[in-house]
């Protein structure tokens, strides 16, 4: 599953579903897809996500089956979260809602 985040203030962001749900939970959301954040809730959600990422206790557990055949190092959650952080910052600045939905 892929999840696409959107708001009028920033380009759409698409990420893998497991990563998206994990980031949503770090933001204090239930992880439900599809769903949305109202404009007033964006800044607090952004602050919770930034605090969780800064704490360093956010690493996701990946299955062994998700390992890459090329033995590439895993991409950290901080790097995966960067586009979403930028979208949330833009949404907070422009005071607009953020929505997300799954792509099939």
C-alpha atoms as a PDB file:
ATOM      1  CA  UNK A   1       0.000   0.000   0.000  1.00  0.00           C
ATOM      2  CA  UNK A   2       1.110   3.549  -0.733  1.00  0.00           C
ATOM      3  CA  UNK A   3      -0.190   6.595   1.148  1.00  0.00           C
ATOM      4  CA  UNK A   4      -0.353  10.072  -0.372  1.00  0.00           C
ATOM      5  CA  UNK A   5      -0.371  13.169   1.845  1.00  0.00           C
ATOM      6  CA  UNK A   6      -1.734  16.388   0.392  1.00  0.00           C
ATOM      7  CA  UNK A   7      -2.433  19.979   1.289  1.00  0.00           C
ATOM      8  CA  UNK A   8      -2.930  23.109  -0.814  1.00  0.00           C
ATOM      9  CA  UNK A   9       0.363  24.624   0.415  1.00  0.00           C
ATOM     10  CA  UNK A  10       2.746  21.874  -0.781  1.00  0.00           C
ATOM     11  CA  UNK A  11       3.212  19.191  -3.403  1.00  0.00           C
ATOM     12  CA  UNK A  12       1.702  15.763  -2.705  1.00  0.00           C
ATOM     13  CA  UNK A  13       3.944  13.313  -0.824  1.00  0.00           C
ATOM     14  CA  UNK A  14       3.659   9.564  -1.420  1.00  0.00           C
ATOM     15  CA  UNK A  15       5.281   6.989   0.855  1.00  0.00           C
ATOM     16  CA  UNK A  16       5.024   3.330   1.743  1.00  0.00           C
ATOM     17  CA  UNK A  17       2.019   2.543   3.927  1.00  0.00           C
ATOM     18  CA  UNK A  18       3.905   1.047   6.873  1.00  0.00           C
ATOM     19  CA  UNK A  19       6.149   4.105   7.123  1.00  0.00           C
ATOM     20  CA  UNK A  20       3.218   6.499   6.722  1.00  0.00           C
ATOM     21  CA  UNK A  21       1.165   4.804   9.448  1.00  0.00           C
ATOM     22  CA  UNK A  22       4.177   4.789  11.781  1.00  0.00           C
ATOM     23  CA  UNK A  23       4.717   8.526  11.215  1.00  0.00           C
ATOM     24  CA  UNK A  24       1.010   9.217  11.733  1.00  0.00           C
ATOM     25  CA  UNK A  25       1.134   7.431  15.072  1.00  0.00           C
ATOM     26  CA  UNK A  26       4.206   9.451  16.067  1.00  0.00           C
ATOM     27  CA  UNK A  27       2.144  12.568  15.265  1.00  0.00           C
ATOM     28  CA  UNK A  28      -0.458  11.407  17.786  1.00  0.00           C
ATOM     29  CA  UNK A  29      -2.941  10.178  15.181  1.00  0.00           C
ATOM     30  CA  UNK A  30      -4.509   6.720  15.173  1.00  0.00           C
ATOM     31  CA  UNK A  31      -2.884   5.795  11.877  1.00  0.00           C
ATOM     32  CA  UNK A  32      -6.198   5.505  10.057  1.00  0.00           C
ATOM     33  CA  UNK A  33      -5.972   5.795   6.277  1.00  0.00           C
ATOM     34  CA  UNK A  34      -7.729   7.767   4.784  1.00  0.00           C
ATOM     35  CA  UNK A  35      -8.034  10.640   7.217  1.00  0.00           C
ATOM     36  CA  UNK A  36      -7.034  14.268   7.748  1.00  0.00           C
ATOM     37  CA  UNK A  37      -5.760  16.881  10.152  1.00  0.00           C
ATOM     38  CA  UNK A  38      -7.607  20.140  10.504  1.00  0.00           C
ATOM     39  CA  UNK A  39      -5.509  23.266  10.099  1.00  0.00           C
ATOM     40  CA  UNK A  40      -5.568  23.963  13.859  1.00  0.00           C
ATOM     41  CA  UNK A  41      -4.175  20.477  14.576  1.00  0.00           C
ATOM     42  CA  UNK A  42      -1.261  20.593  12.129  1.00  0.00           C
ATOM     43  CA  UNK A  43       1.216  22.546  14.279  1.00  0.00           C
ATOM     44  CA  UNK A  44       0.777  20.314  17.373  1.00  0.00           C
ATOM     45  CA  UNK A  45       1.080  17.179  15.217  1.00  0.00           C
ATOM     46  CA  UNK A  46       4.244  18.573  13.630  1.00  0.00           C
ATOM     47  CA  UNK A  47       5.705  19.321  17.067  1.00  0.00           C
ATOM     48  CA  UNK A  48       4.949  15.767  18.282  1.00  0.00           C
ATOM     49  CA  UNK A  49       6.527  14.247  15.178  1.00  0.00           C
ATOM     50  CA  UNK A  50       9.654  16.399  15.468  1.00  0.00           C
ATOM     51  CA  UNK A  51       9.983  15.541  19.169  1.00  0.00           C
ATOM     52  CA  UNK A  52       9.596  11.818  18.484  1.00  0.00           C
ATOM     53  CA  UNK A  53      12.196  11.901  15.715  1.00  0.00           C
ATOM     54  CA  UNK A  54      14.587  13.918  17.896  1.00  0.00           C
ATOM     55  CA  UNK A  55      14.288  11.383  20.720  1.00  0.00           C
ATOM     56  CA  UNK A  56      15.888   8.731  18.515  1.00  0.00           C
ATOM     57  CA  UNK A  57      13.529   6.012  19.753  1.00  0.00           C
ATOM     58  CA  UNK A  58      11.525   5.826  16.548  1.00  0.00           C
ATOM     59  CA  UNK A  59      13.284   3.169  14.508  1.00  0.00           C
ATOM     60  CA  UNK A  60      10.847   0.845  12.789  1.00  0.00           C
ATOM     61  CA  UNK A  61      11.257  -2.886  12.958  1.00  0.00           C
ATOM     62  CA  UNK A  62      11.580  -4.215   9.411  1.00  0.00           C
ATOM     63  CA  UNK A  63      11.037  -7.863   8.496  1.00  0.00           C
ATOM     64  CA  UNK A  64      13.924  -9.872   7.207  1.00  0.00           C
ATOM     65  CA  UNK A  65      11.926 -10.299   3.990  1.00  0.00           C
ATOM     66  CA  UNK A  66      12.180  -6.540   3.427  1.00  0.00           C
ATOM     67  CA  UNK A  67      15.964  -6.748   3.219  1.00  0.00           C
ATOM     68  CA  UNK A  68      17.450  -5.564  -0.051  1.00  0.00           C
ATOM     69  CA  UNK A  69      19.304  -8.060  -2.231  1.00  0.00           C
ATOM     70  CA  UNK A  70      22.035  -5.488  -2.849  1.00  0.00           C
ATOM     71  CA  UNK A  71      22.801  -5.225   0.891  1.00  0.00           C
ATOM     72  CA  UNK A  72      22.139  -1.496   0.814  1.00  0.00           C
ATOM     73  CA  UNK A  73      21.978   0.200   4.217  1.00  0.00           C
ATOM     74  CA  UNK A  74      18.439   0.879   5.432  1.00  0.00           C
ATOM     75  CA  UNK A  75      16.981   4.366   5.034  1.00  0.00           C
ATOM     76  CA  UNK A  76      16.495   5.987   8.442  1.00  0.00           C
ATOM     77  CA  UNK A  77      13.078   7.119   9.566  1.00  0.00           C
ATOM     78  CA  UNK A  78      14.434  10.679   9.832  1.00  0.00           C
ATOM     79  CA  UNK A  79      15.169  10.656   6.110  1.00  0.00           C
ATOM     80  CA  UNK A  80      11.849   9.051   5.240  1.00  0.00           C
ATOM     81  CA  UNK A  81       9.997  11.638   7.343  1.00  0.00           C
ATOM     82  CA  UNK A  82      11.707  14.679   5.799  1.00  0.00           C
ATOM     83  CA  UNK A  83       9.186  15.289   2.961  1.00  0.00           C
ATOM     84  CA  UNK A  84       6.260  14.911   5.371  1.00  0.00           C
ATOM     85  CA  UNK A  85       7.885  17.333   7.810  1.00  0.00           C
ATOM     86  CA  UNK A  86       8.227  19.881   5.021  1.00  0.00           C
ATOM     87  CA  UNK A  87       4.581  19.400   4.004  1.00  0.00           C
ATOM     88  CA  UNK A  88       3.443  19.856   7.621  1.00  0.00           C
ATOM     89  CA  UNK A  89       5.557  23.000   8.014  1.00  0.00           C
ATOM     90  CA  UNK A  90       4.042  24.480   4.861  1.00  0.00           C
ATOM     91  CA  UNK A  91       0.534  23.544   6.014  1.00  0.00           C
ATOM     92  CA  UNK A  92       1.149  25.116   9.438  1.00  0.00           C
ATOM     93  CA  UNK A  93       2.489  28.301   7.835  1.00  0.00           C
ATOM     94  CA  UNK A  94      -0.477  28.613   5.448  1.00  0.00           C
ATOM     95  CA  UNK A  95      -2.953  27.316   8.054  1.00  0.00           C
ATOM     96  CA  UNK A  96      -4.459  24.646   5.817  1.00  0.00           C
ATOM     97  CA  UNK A  97      -5.765  21.121   6.324  1.00  0.00           C
ATOM     98  CA  UNK A  98      -3.650  18.035   5.579  1.00  0.00           C
ATOM     99  CA  UNK A  99      -5.288  14.955   4.080  1.00  0.00           C
ATOM    100  CA  UNK A 100      -4.010  11.482   3.290  1.00  0.00           C
ATOM    101  CA  UNK A 101      -5.387   8.556   1.363  1.00  0.00           C
ATOM    102  CA  UNK A 102      -4.156   5.199   0.139  1.00  0.00           C
ATOM    103  CA  UNK A 103      -3.152   4.492  -3.441  1.00  0.00           C
ATOM    104  CA  UNK A 104      -3.640   1.063  -4.869  1.00  0.00           C
END
